[in-house]
Amino acid sequence: MSPSLSVVADNDLNVARVETVGERVRRLQAEARQLAKDHIRSLSAAILGAEAIAIDIAGGGEAYPPGIRDLARRFAEDAQARVQTLEAINARQ
Protein backbone atom coordinates (compact mmCIF):
# COMPACT_ATOMS: atom_id res chain seq x y z
CA MET A 1 0.00 0.00 0.00
CA SER A 2 1.34 3.45 -0.87
CA PRO A 3 1.36 6.32 1.58
CA SER A 4 -1.49 8.80 1.25
CA LEU A 5 -0.82 12.29 0.03
CA SER A 6 -1.92 15.41 1.82
CA VAL A 7 -1.79 19.15 1.09
CA VAL A 8 0.71 21.03 3.21
CA ALA A 9 0.64 24.82 3.48
CA ASP A 10 3.98 26.53 2.97
CA ASN A 11 3.73 30.04 4.32
CA ASP A 12 7.45 30.63 3.85
CA LEU A 13 7.29 30.81 0.05
CA ASN A 14 8.73 33.96 -1.43
CA VAL A 15 5.80 35.05 -3.52
CA ALA A 16 6.78 37.62 -6.12
CA ARG A 17 4.72 40.77 -5.73
CA VAL A 18 2.89 41.71 -8.90
CA GLU A 19 3.60 45.23 -10.10
CA THR A 20 0.47 47.34 -10.48
CA VAL A 21 -0.21 49.23 -13.69
CA GLY A 22 0.43 52.54 -11.95
CA GLU A 23 3.74 51.32 -10.55
CA ARG A 24 4.74 50.01 -13.97
CA VAL A 25 3.88 53.35 -15.60
CA ARG A 26 5.97 55.25 -13.03
CA ARG A 27 8.88 52.82 -13.44
CA LEU A 28 8.80 53.05 -17.23
CA GLN A 29 8.55 56.85 -17.12
CA ALA A 30 11.56 57.03 -14.81
CA GLU A 31 13.46 54.68 -17.12
CA ALA A 32 12.52 56.80 -20.15
CA ARG A 33 13.69 59.98 -18.39
CA GLN A 34 17.03 58.34 -17.57
CA LEU A 35 17.46 57.12 -21.15
CA ALA A 36 16.68 60.63 -22.42
CA LYS A 37 19.32 62.11 -20.10
CA ASP A 38 21.85 59.56 -21.36
CA HIS A 39 20.93 60.39 -24.96
CA ILE A 40 21.41 64.11 -24.30
CA ARG A 41 24.85 63.38 -22.80
CA SER A 42 25.68 61.45 -25.98
CA LEU A 43 24.61 64.45 -28.06
CA SER A 44 26.85 66.72 -25.97
CA ALA A 45 29.80 64.37 -26.49
CA ALA A 46 29.14 64.25 -30.25
CA ILE A 47 29.01 68.05 -30.44
CA LEU A 48 32.32 68.29 -28.59
CA GLY A 49 33.83 65.76 -30.99
CA ALA A 50 32.57 67.77 -33.95
CA GLU A 51 33.93 70.91 -32.32
CA ALA A 52 37.43 69.38 -32.27
CA ILE A 53 37.16 68.56 -35.97
CA ALA A 54 35.86 72.05 -36.72
CA ILE A 55 38.83 73.60 -34.90
CA ASP A 56 41.19 71.50 -37.04
CA ILE A 57 39.43 72.56 -40.23
CA ALA A 58 39.28 76.23 -39.21
CA GLY A 59 43.03 76.22 -38.68
CA GLY A 60 43.76 73.98 -41.64
CA GLY A 61 44.96 76.70 -43.92
CA GLU A 62 44.62 76.84 -47.67
CA ALA A 63 43.79 73.14 -48.02
CA TYR A 64 40.20 74.05 -47.09
CA PRO A 65 38.05 76.54 -49.00
CA PRO A 66 37.65 79.88 -47.17
CA GLY A 67 33.89 79.44 -46.74
CA ILE A 68 34.39 76.07 -45.11
CA ARG A 69 37.07 77.39 -42.76
CA ASP A 70 34.80 80.27 -41.73
CA LEU A 71 31.83 77.97 -41.15
CA ALA A 72 33.98 75.58 -39.11
CA ARG A 73 35.35 78.48 -37.04
CA ARG A 74 31.82 79.73 -36.27
CA PHE A 75 30.67 76.22 -35.39
CA ALA A 76 33.62 75.77 -33.02
CA GLU A 77 32.89 79.12 -31.35
CA ASP A 78 29.24 78.19 -30.81
CA ALA A 79 29.61 74.50 -29.87
CA GLN A 80 30.77 74.99 -26.28
CA ALA A 81 27.86 77.31 -25.49
CA ARG A 82 25.39 74.82 -27.00
CA VAL A 83 26.81 71.97 -24.91
CA GLN A 84 26.64 74.07 -21.76
CA THR A 85 23.01 74.92 -22.53
CA LEU A 86 22.16 71.24 -23.11
CA GLU A 87 23.83 70.22 -19.87
CA ALA A 88 22.15 72.99 -17.84
CA ILE A 89 18.70 72.07 -19.13
CA ASN A 90 19.38 68.37 -18.63
CA ALA A 91 20.51 68.95 -15.04
CA ARG A 92 17.19 70.64 -14.18
CA GLN A 93 15.16 67.55 -15.02
PDB file of N, CA and C in Angstrom:
ATOM      1  N   MET A   1       0.831  -1.169   0.000  1.00  0.00           N
ATOM      2  CA  MET A   1       0.000   0.000   0.000  1.00  0.00           C
ATOM      3  C   MET A   1       0.885   1.243   0.000  1.00  0.00           C
ATOM      4  N   SER A   2       0.538   2.228  -0.797  1.00  0.00           N
ATOM      5  CA  SER A   2       1.344   3.446  -0.871  1.00  0.00           C
ATOM      6  C   SER A   2       0.851   4.462   0.147  1.00  0.00           C
ATOM      7  N   PRO A   3       1.767   5.332   0.581  1.00  0.00           N
ATOM      8  CA  PRO A   3       1.355   6.323   1.576  1.00  0.00           C
ATOM      9  C   PRO A   3       0.368   7.318   0.963  1.00  0.00           C
ATOM     10  N   SER A   4      -0.519   7.822   1.746  1.00  0.00           N
ATOM     11  CA  SER A   4      -1.492   8.796   1.249  1.00  0.00           C
ATOM     12  C   SER A   4      -0.848  10.178   1.158  1.00  0.00           C
ATOM     13  N   LEU A   5      -1.341  10.937   0.235  1.00  0.00           N
ATOM     14  CA  LEU A   5      -0.821  12.292   0.028  1.00  0.00           C
ATOM     15  C   LEU A   5      -1.725  13.296   0.714  1.00  0.00           C
ATOM     16  N   SER A   6      -1.123  14.350   1.205  1.00  0.00           N
ATOM     17  CA  SER A   6      -1.915  15.407   1.822  1.00  0.00           C
ATOM     18  C   SER A   6      -1.340  16.764   1.431  1.00  0.00           C
ATOM     19  N   VAL A   7      -2.177  17.780   1.438  1.00  0.00           N
ATOM     20  CA  VAL A   7      -1.785  19.149   1.094  1.00  0.00           C
ATOM     21  C   VAL A   7      -1.157  19.785   2.321  1.00  0.00           C
ATOM     22  N   VAL A   8       0.012  20.381   2.115  1.00  0.00           N
ATOM     23  CA  VAL A   8       0.714  21.035   3.208  1.00  0.00           C
ATOM     24  C   VAL A   8       0.883  22.499   2.839  1.00  0.00           C
ATOM     25  N   ALA A   9       0.488  23.383   3.718  1.00  0.00           N
ATOM     26  CA  ALA A   9       0.639  24.820   3.480  1.00  0.00           C
ATOM     27  C   ALA A   9       2.089  25.208   3.713  1.00  0.00           C
ATOM     28  N   ASP A  10       2.620  26.029   2.814  1.00  0.00           N
ATOM     29  CA  ASP A  10       3.981  26.529   2.968  1.00  0.00           C
ATOM     30  C   ASP A  10       3.911  28.046   2.985  1.00  0.00           C
ATOM     31  N   ASN A  11       3.845  28.587   4.168  1.00  0.00           N
ATOM     32  CA  ASN A  11       3.728  30.038   4.316  1.00  0.00           C
ATOM     33  C   ASN A  11       5.052  30.761   4.148  1.00  0.00           C
ATOM     34  N   ASP A  12       6.131  30.022   3.990  1.00  0.00           N
ATOM     35  CA  ASP A  12       7.451  30.632   3.853  1.00  0.00           C
ATOM     36  C   ASP A  12       7.852  30.867   2.407  1.00  0.00           C
ATOM     37  N   LEU A  13       6.954  30.599   1.464  1.00  0.00           N
ATOM     38  CA  LEU A  13       7.288  30.813   0.054  1.00  0.00           C
ATOM     39  C   LEU A  13       7.507  32.295  -0.214  1.00  0.00           C
ATOM     40  N   ASN A  14       8.509  32.584  -1.001  1.00  0.00           N
ATOM     41  CA  ASN A  14       8.730  33.964  -1.425  1.00  0.00           C
ATOM     42  C   ASN A  14       7.869  34.219  -2.642  1.00  0.00           C
ATOM     43  N   VAL A  15       6.726  34.782  -2.438  1.00  0.00           N
ATOM     44  CA  VAL A  15       5.798  35.049  -3.525  1.00  0.00           C
ATOM     45  C   VAL A  15       6.173  36.389  -4.142  1.00  0.00           C
ATOM     46  N   ALA A  16       6.420  36.380  -5.435  1.00  0.00           N
ATOM     47  CA  ALA A  16       6.776  37.619  -6.121  1.00  0.00           C
ATOM     48  C   ALA A  16       5.565  38.540  -6.126  1.00  0.00           C
ATOM     49  N   ARG A  17       5.777  39.776  -5.748  1.00  0.00           N
ATOM     50  CA  ARG A  17       4.715  40.768  -5.735  1.00  0.00           C
ATOM     51  C   ARG A  17       4.469  41.243  -7.151  1.00  0.00           C
ATOM     52  N   VAL A  18       3.247  41.282  -7.549  1.00  0.00           N
ATOM     53  CA  VAL A  18       2.891  41.714  -8.897  1.00  0.00           C
ATOM     54  C   VAL A  18       2.867  43.234  -8.937  1.00  0.00           C
ATOM     55  N   GLU A  19       3.533  43.783  -9.924  1.00  0.00           N
ATOM     56  CA  GLU A  19       3.602  45.234 -10.098  1.00  0.00           C
ATOM     57  C   GLU A  19       2.252  45.733 -10.623  1.00  0.00           C
ATOM     58  N   THR A  20       1.736  46.786  -9.996  1.00  0.00           N
ATOM     59  CA  THR A  20       0.472  47.344 -10.481  1.00  0.00           C
ATOM     60  C   THR A  20       0.725  48.148 -11.754  1.00  0.00           C
ATOM     61  N   VAL A  21      -0.338  48.445 -12.460  1.00  0.00           N
ATOM     62  CA  VAL A  21      -0.209  49.230 -13.692  1.00  0.00           C
ATOM     63  C   VAL A  21       0.374  50.606 -13.384  1.00  0.00           C
ATOM     64  N   GLY A  22      -0.090  51.226 -12.324  1.00  0.00           N
ATOM     65  CA  GLY A  22       0.430  52.539 -11.947  1.00  0.00           C
ATOM     66  C   GLY A  22       1.908  52.506 -11.617  1.00  0.00           C
ATOM     67  N   GLU A  23       2.324  51.471 -10.877  1.00  0.00           N
ATOM     68  CA  GLU A  23       3.745  51.323 -10.550  1.00  0.00           C
ATOM     69  C   GLU A  23       4.572  51.094 -11.808  1.00  0.00           C
ATOM     70  N   ARG A  24       4.020  50.285 -12.715  1.00  0.00           N
ATOM     71  CA  ARG A  24       4.742  50.014 -13.966  1.00  0.00           C
ATOM     72  C   ARG A  24       4.888  51.285 -14.792  1.00  0.00           C
ATOM     73  N   VAL A  25       3.826  52.084 -14.860  1.00  0.00           N
ATOM     74  CA  VAL A  25       3.884  53.348 -15.601  1.00  0.00           C
ATOM     75  C   VAL A  25       4.948  54.258 -15.007  1.00  0.00           C
ATOM     76  N   ARG A  26       4.964  54.390 -13.680  1.00  0.00           N
ATOM     77  CA  ARG A  26       5.969  55.249 -13.028  1.00  0.00           C
ATOM     78  C   ARG A  26       7.385  54.730 -13.275  1.00  0.00           C
ATOM     79  N   ARG A  27       7.563  53.406 -13.199  1.00  0.00           N
ATOM     80  CA  ARG A  27       8.884  52.818 -13.436  1.00  0.00           C
ATOM     81  C   ARG A  27       9.332  53.057 -14.868  1.00  0.00           C
ATOM     82  N   LEU A  28       8.435  52.849 -15.824  1.00  0.00           N
ATOM     83  CA  LEU A  28       8.795  53.054 -17.228  1.00  0.00           C
ATOM     84  C   LEU A  28       9.059  54.524 -17.541  1.00  0.00           C
ATOM     85  N   GLN A  29       8.296  55.425 -16.920  1.00  0.00           N
ATOM     86  CA  GLN A  29       8.549  56.851 -17.120  1.00  0.00           C
ATOM     87  C   GLN A  29       9.914  57.242 -16.561  1.00  0.00           C
ATOM     88  N   ALA A  30      10.250  56.725 -15.398  1.00  0.00           N
ATOM     89  CA  ALA A  30      11.558  57.032 -14.805  1.00  0.00           C
ATOM     90  C   ALA A  30      12.675  56.472 -15.691  1.00  0.00           C
ATOM     91  N   GLU A  31      12.462  55.279 -16.222  1.00  0.00           N
ATOM     92  CA  GLU A  31      13.458  54.683 -17.116  1.00  0.00           C
ATOM     93  C   GLU A  31      13.600  55.503 -18.392  1.00  0.00           C
ATOM     94  N   ALA A  32      12.478  55.973 -18.939  1.00  0.00           N
ATOM     95  CA  ALA A  32      12.518  56.795 -20.154  1.00  0.00           C
ATOM     96  C   ALA A  32      13.241  58.121 -19.889  1.00  0.00           C
ATOM     97  N   ARG A  33      12.994  58.730 -18.727  1.00  0.00           N
ATOM     98  CA  ARG A  33      13.693  59.980 -18.394  1.00  0.00           C
ATOM     99  C   ARG A  33      15.199  59.756 -18.300  1.00  0.00           C
ATOM    100  N   GLN A  34      15.610  58.634 -17.690  1.00  0.00           N
ATOM    101  CA  GLN A  34      17.035  58.344 -17.569  1.00  0.00           C
ATOM    102  C   GLN A  34      17.659  58.093 -18.946  1.00  0.00           C
ATOM    103  N   LEU A  35      16.958  57.360 -19.792  1.00  0.00           N
ATOM    104  CA  LEU A  35      17.464  57.123 -21.149  1.00  0.00           C
ATOM    105  C   LEU A  35      17.582  58.431 -21.917  1.00  0.00           C
ATOM    106  N   ALA A  36      16.624  59.329 -21.744  1.00  0.00           N
ATOM    107  CA  ALA A  36      16.680  60.629 -22.416  1.00  0.00           C
ATOM    108  C   ALA A  36      17.889  61.426 -21.937  1.00  0.00           C
ATOM    109  N   LYS A  37      18.141  61.414 -20.626  1.00  0.00           N
ATOM    110  CA  LYS A  37      19.322  62.112 -20.096  1.00  0.00           C
ATOM    111  C   LYS A  37      20.606  61.537 -20.690  1.00  0.00           C
ATOM    112  N   ASP A  38      20.672  60.206 -20.775  1.00  0.00           N
ATOM    113  CA  ASP A  38      21.853  59.563 -21.362  1.00  0.00           C
ATOM    114  C   ASP A  38      22.007  59.945 -22.830  1.00  0.00           C
ATOM    115  N   HIS A  39      20.904  60.033 -23.541  1.00  0.00           N
ATOM    116  CA  HIS A  39      20.930  60.390 -24.956  1.00  0.00           C
ATOM    117  C   HIS A  39      21.418  61.830 -25.128  1.00  0.00           C
ATOM    118  N   ILE A  40      20.975  62.706 -24.254  1.00  0.00           N
ATOM    119  CA  ILE A  40      21.413  64.106 -24.303  1.00  0.00           C
ATOM    120  C   ILE A  40      22.911  64.198 -24.018  1.00  0.00           C
ATOM    121  N   ARG A  41      23.393  63.394 -23.069  1.00  0.00           N
ATOM    122  CA  ARG A  41      24.846  63.376 -22.802  1.00  0.00           C
ATOM    123  C   ARG A  41      25.612  62.888 -24.034  1.00  0.00           C
ATOM    124  N   SER A  42      25.048  61.928 -24.746  1.00  0.00           N
ATOM    125  CA  SER A  42      25.683  61.449 -25.984  1.00  0.00           C
ATOM    126  C   SER A  42      25.718  62.557 -27.031  1.00  0.00           C
ATOM    127  N   LEU A  43      24.641  63.323 -27.118  1.00  0.00           N
ATOM    128  CA  LEU A  43      24.607  64.453 -28.056  1.00  0.00           C
ATOM    129  C   LEU A  43      25.681  65.467 -27.694  1.00  0.00           C
ATOM    130  N   SER A  44      25.817  65.770 -26.422  1.00  0.00           N
ATOM    131  CA  SER A  44      26.845  66.719 -25.973  1.00  0.00           C
ATOM    132  C   SER A  44      28.242  66.224 -26.352  1.00  0.00           C
ATOM    133  N   ALA A  45      28.492  64.941 -26.145  1.00  0.00           N
ATOM    134  CA  ALA A  45      29.800  64.373 -26.493  1.00  0.00           C
ATOM    135  C   ALA A  45      30.040  64.449 -28.000  1.00  0.00           C
ATOM    136  N   ALA A  46      28.996  64.190 -28.785  1.00  0.00           N
ATOM    137  CA  ALA A  46      29.136  64.251 -30.248  1.00  0.00           C
ATOM    138  C   ALA A  46      29.418  65.683 -30.707  1.00  0.00           C
ATOM    139  N   ILE A  47      28.760  66.649 -30.079  1.00  0.00           N
ATOM    140  CA  ILE A  47      29.005  68.051 -30.441  1.00  0.00           C
ATOM    141  C   ILE A  47      30.449  68.423 -30.113  1.00  0.00           C
ATOM    142  N   LEU A  48      30.937  67.986 -28.960  1.00  0.00           N
ATOM    143  CA  LEU A  48      32.320  68.292 -28.591  1.00  0.00           C
ATOM    144  C   LEU A  48      33.306  67.623 -29.546  1.00  0.00           C
ATOM    145  N   GLY A  49      32.984  66.423 -29.991  1.00  0.00           N
ATOM    146  CA  GLY A  49      33.829  65.759 -30.988  1.00  0.00           C
ATOM    147  C   GLY A  49      33.837  66.514 -32.300  1.00  0.00           C
ATOM    148  N   ALA A  50      32.661  66.981 -32.724  1.00  0.00           N
ATOM    149  CA  ALA A  50      32.567  67.767 -33.954  1.00  0.00           C
ATOM    150  C   ALA A  50      33.279  69.105 -33.789  1.00  0.00           C
ATOM    151  N   GLU A  51      33.222  69.650 -32.578  1.00  0.00           N
ATOM    152  CA  GLU A  51      33.932  70.913 -32.315  1.00  0.00           C
ATOM    153  C   GLU A  51      35.431  70.735 -32.551  1.00  0.00           C
ATOM    154  N   ALA A  52      35.994  69.639 -32.086  1.00  0.00           N
ATOM    155  CA  ALA A  52      37.428  69.385 -32.265  1.00  0.00           C
ATOM    156  C   ALA A  52      37.777  69.297 -33.748  1.00  0.00           C
ATOM    157  N   ILE A  53      36.935  68.644 -34.519  1.00  0.00           N
ATOM    158  CA  ILE A  53      37.165  68.557 -35.969  1.00  0.00           C
ATOM    159  C   ILE A  53      37.048  69.937 -36.602  1.00  0.00           C
ATOM    160  N   ALA A  54      36.056  70.706 -36.166  1.00  0.00           N
ATOM    161  CA  ALA A  54      35.862  72.051 -36.715  1.00  0.00           C
ATOM    162  C   ALA A  54      37.064  72.941 -36.428  1.00  0.00           C
ATOM    163  N   ILE A  55      37.637  72.817 -35.250  1.00  0.00           N
ATOM    164  CA  ILE A  55      38.832  73.604 -34.905  1.00  0.00           C
ATOM    165  C   ILE A  55      39.984  73.243 -35.835  1.00  0.00           C
ATOM    166  N   ASP A  56      40.145  71.951 -36.106  1.00  0.00           N
ATOM    167  CA  ASP A  56      41.193  71.504 -37.036  1.00  0.00           C
ATOM    168  C   ASP A  56      40.978  72.082 -38.433  1.00  0.00           C
ATOM    169  N   ILE A  57      39.732  72.045 -38.890  1.00  0.00           N
ATOM    170  CA  ILE A  57      39.426  72.561 -40.232  1.00  0.00           C
ATOM    171  C   ILE A  57      39.619  74.071 -40.276  1.00  0.00           C
ATOM    172  N   ALA A  58      39.158  74.766 -39.237  1.00  0.00           N
ATOM    173  CA  ALA A  58      39.276  76.228 -39.208  1.00  0.00           C
ATOM    174  C   ALA A  58      40.736  76.660 -39.271  1.00  0.00           C
ATOM    175  N   GLY A  59      41.604  75.881 -38.671  1.00  0.00           N
ATOM    176  CA  GLY A  59      43.025  76.223 -38.679  1.00  0.00           C
ATOM    177  C   GLY A  59      43.808  75.471 -39.744  1.00  0.00           C
ATOM    178  N   GLY A  60      43.121  74.841 -40.657  1.00  0.00           N
ATOM    179  CA  GLY A  60      43.762  73.983 -41.638  1.00  0.00           C
ATOM    180  C   GLY A  60      44.419  74.684 -42.804  1.00  0.00           C
ATOM    181  N   GLY A  61      44.280  75.959 -42.860  1.00  0.00           N
ATOM    182  CA  GLY A  61      44.956  76.704 -43.923  1.00  0.00           C
ATOM    183  C   GLY A  61      44.302  76.546 -45.286  1.00  0.00           C
ATOM    184  N   GLU A  62      45.098  76.768 -46.296  1.00  0.00           N
ATOM    185  CA  GLU A  62      44.624  76.842 -47.671  1.00  0.00           C
ATOM    186  C   GLU A  62      44.095  75.531 -48.238  1.00  0.00           C
ATOM    187  N   ALA A  63      44.302  74.429 -47.539  1.00  0.00           N
ATOM    188  CA  ALA A  63      43.786  73.143 -48.024  1.00  0.00           C
ATOM    189  C   ALA A  63      42.259  73.134 -48.026  1.00  0.00           C
ATOM    190  N   TYR A  64      41.660  73.975 -47.176  1.00  0.00           N
ATOM    191  CA  TYR A  64      40.204  74.049 -47.086  1.00  0.00           C
ATOM    192  C   TYR A  64      39.722  75.350 -47.723  1.00  0.00           C
ATOM    193  N   PRO A  65      38.586  75.310 -48.412  1.00  0.00           N
ATOM    194  CA  PRO A  65      38.050  76.544 -48.997  1.00  0.00           C
ATOM    195  C   PRO A  65      37.729  77.563 -47.901  1.00  0.00           C
ATOM    196  N   PRO A  66      37.893  78.846 -48.181  1.00  0.00           N
ATOM    197  CA  PRO A  66      37.652  79.884 -47.171  1.00  0.00           C
ATOM    198  C   PRO A  66      36.256  79.808 -46.545  1.00  0.00           C
ATOM    199  N   GLY A  67      35.237  79.532 -47.311  1.00  0.00           N
ATOM    200  CA  GLY A  67      33.885  79.441 -46.744  1.00  0.00           C
ATOM    201  C   GLY A  67      33.752  78.311 -45.745  1.00  0.00           C
ATOM    202  N   ILE A  68      34.414  77.217 -46.017  1.00  0.00           N
ATOM    203  CA  ILE A  68      34.386  76.069 -45.108  1.00  0.00           C
ATOM    204  C   ILE A  68      35.135  76.403 -43.821  1.00  0.00           C
ATOM    205  N   ARG A  69      36.299  77.022 -43.953  1.00  0.00           N
ATOM    206  CA  ARG A  69      37.073  77.393 -42.757  1.00  0.00           C
ATOM    207  C   ARG A  69      36.268  78.340 -41.876  1.00  0.00           C
ATOM    208  N   ASP A  70      35.594  79.310 -42.503  1.00  0.00           N
ATOM    209  CA  ASP A  70      34.802  80.269 -41.732  1.00  0.00           C
ATOM    210  C   ASP A  70      33.630  79.578 -41.043  1.00  0.00           C
ATOM    211  N   LEU A  71      32.949  78.701 -41.737  1.00  0.00           N
ATOM    212  CA  LEU A  71      31.828  77.969 -41.153  1.00  0.00           C
ATOM    213  C   LEU A  71      32.304  77.092 -39.988  1.00  0.00           C
ATOM    214  N   ALA A  72      33.427  76.422 -40.163  1.00  0.00           N
ATOM    215  CA  ALA A  72      33.984  75.581 -39.107  1.00  0.00           C
ATOM    216  C   ALA A  72      34.387  76.421 -37.901  1.00  0.00           C
ATOM    217  N   ARG A  73      34.962  77.594 -38.144  1.00  0.00           N
ATOM    218  CA  ARG A  73      35.350  78.482 -37.043  1.00  0.00           C
ATOM    219  C   ARG A  73      34.120  78.908 -36.250  1.00  0.00           C
ATOM    220  N   ARG A  74      33.051  79.294 -36.959  1.00  0.00           N
ATOM    221  CA  ARG A  74      31.823  79.726 -36.274  1.00  0.00           C
ATOM    222  C   ARG A  74      31.174  78.576 -35.500  1.00  0.00           C
ATOM    223  N   PHE A  75      31.208  77.384 -36.093  1.00  0.00           N
ATOM    224  CA  PHE A  75      30.669  76.217 -35.390  1.00  0.00           C
ATOM    225  C   PHE A  75      31.446  75.972 -34.101  1.00  0.00           C
ATOM    226  N   ALA A  76      32.772  76.017 -34.192  1.00  0.00           N
ATOM    227  CA  ALA A  76      33.616  75.767 -33.021  1.00  0.00           C
ATOM    228  C   ALA A  76      33.363  76.807 -31.931  1.00  0.00           C
ATOM    229  N   GLU A  77      33.163  78.061 -32.334  1.00  0.00           N
ATOM    230  CA  GLU A  77      32.893  79.121 -31.354  1.00  0.00           C
ATOM    231  C   GLU A  77      31.569  78.896 -30.641  1.00  0.00           C
ATOM    232  N   ASP A  78      30.591  78.348 -31.345  1.00  0.00           N
ATOM    233  CA  ASP A  78      29.242  78.190 -30.813  1.00  0.00           C
ATOM    234  C   ASP A  78      29.036  76.859 -30.085  1.00  0.00           C
ATOM    235  N   ALA A  79      29.844  75.860 -30.384  1.00  0.00           N
ATOM    236  CA  ALA A  79      29.613  74.505 -29.870  1.00  0.00           C
ATOM    237  C   ALA A  79      29.649  74.440 -28.347  1.00  0.00           C
ATOM    238  N   GLN A  80      30.626  75.058 -27.734  1.00  0.00           N
ATOM    239  CA  GLN A  80      30.769  74.986 -26.284  1.00  0.00           C
ATOM    240  C   GLN A  80      29.540  75.576 -25.585  1.00  0.00           C
ATOM    241  N   ALA A  81      29.053  76.685 -26.082  1.00  0.00           N
ATOM    242  CA  ALA A  81      27.858  77.305 -25.489  1.00  0.00           C
ATOM    243  C   ALA A  81      26.643  76.392 -25.638  1.00  0.00           C
ATOM    244  N   ARG A  82      26.520  75.735 -26.779  1.00  0.00           N
ATOM    245  CA  ARG A  82      25.394  74.815 -27.001  1.00  0.00           C
ATOM    246  C   ARG A  82      25.463  73.638 -26.041  1.00  0.00           C
ATOM    247  N   VAL A  83      26.646  73.098 -25.835  1.00  0.00           N
ATOM    248  CA  VAL A  83      26.812  71.970 -24.911  1.00  0.00           C
ATOM    249  C   VAL A  83      26.484  72.403 -23.488  1.00  0.00           C
ATOM    250  N   GLN A  84      26.938  73.571 -23.094  1.00  0.00           N
ATOM    251  CA  GLN A  84      26.637  74.069 -21.756  1.00  0.00           C
ATOM    252  C   GLN A  84      25.134  74.255 -21.563  1.00  0.00           C
ATOM    253  N   THR A  85      24.459  74.756 -22.599  1.00  0.00           N
ATOM    254  CA  THR A  85      23.008  74.920 -22.532  1.00  0.00           C
ATOM    255  C   THR A  85      22.329  73.558 -22.393  1.00  0.00           C
ATOM    256  N   LEU A  86      22.735  72.586 -23.209  1.00  0.00           N
ATOM    257  CA  LEU A  86      22.164  71.238 -23.115  1.00  0.00           C
ATOM    258  C   LEU A  86      22.347  70.663 -21.710  1.00  0.00           C
ATOM    259  N   GLU A  87      23.548  70.784 -21.175  1.00  0.00           N
ATOM    260  CA  GLU A  87      23.829  70.221 -19.868  1.00  0.00           C
ATOM    261  C   GLU A  87      23.058  70.931 -18.757  1.00  0.00           C
ATOM    262  N   ALA A  88      22.907  72.242 -18.862  1.00  0.00           N
ATOM    263  CA  ALA A  88      22.151  72.990 -17.844  1.00  0.00           C
ATOM    264  C   ALA A  88      20.683  72.588 -17.860  1.00  0.00           C
ATOM    265  N   ILE A  89      20.113  72.479 -19.035  1.00  0.00           N
ATOM    266  CA  ILE A  89      18.699  72.068 -19.134  1.00  0.00           C
ATOM    267  C   ILE A  89      18.538  70.625 -18.647  1.00  0.00           C
ATOM    268  N   ASN A  90      19.445  69.767 -19.028  1.00  0.00           N
ATOM    269  CA  ASN A  90      19.383  68.366 -18.628  1.00  0.00           C
ATOM    270  C   ASN A  90      19.515  68.197 -17.119  1.00  0.00           C
ATOM    271  N   ALA A  91      20.302  69.046 -16.484  1.00  0.00           N
ATOM    272  CA  ALA A  91      20.505  68.955 -15.041  1.00  0.00           C
ATOM    273  C   ALA A  91      19.249  69.351 -14.265  1.00  0.00           C
ATOM    274  N   ARG A  92      18.404  70.184 -14.858  1.00  0.00           N
ATOM    275  CA  ARG A  92      17.186  70.642 -14.180  1.00  0.00           C
ATOM    276  C   ARG A  92      16.126  69.549 -14.099  1.00  0.00           C
ATOM    277  N   GLN A  93      16.205  68.588 -14.943  1.00  0.00           N
ATOM    278  CA  GLN A  93      15.163  67.551 -15.017  1.00  0.00           C
ATOM    279  C   GLN A  93      15.291  66.572 -13.897  1.00  0.00           C
TER     280      GLN A  93
END
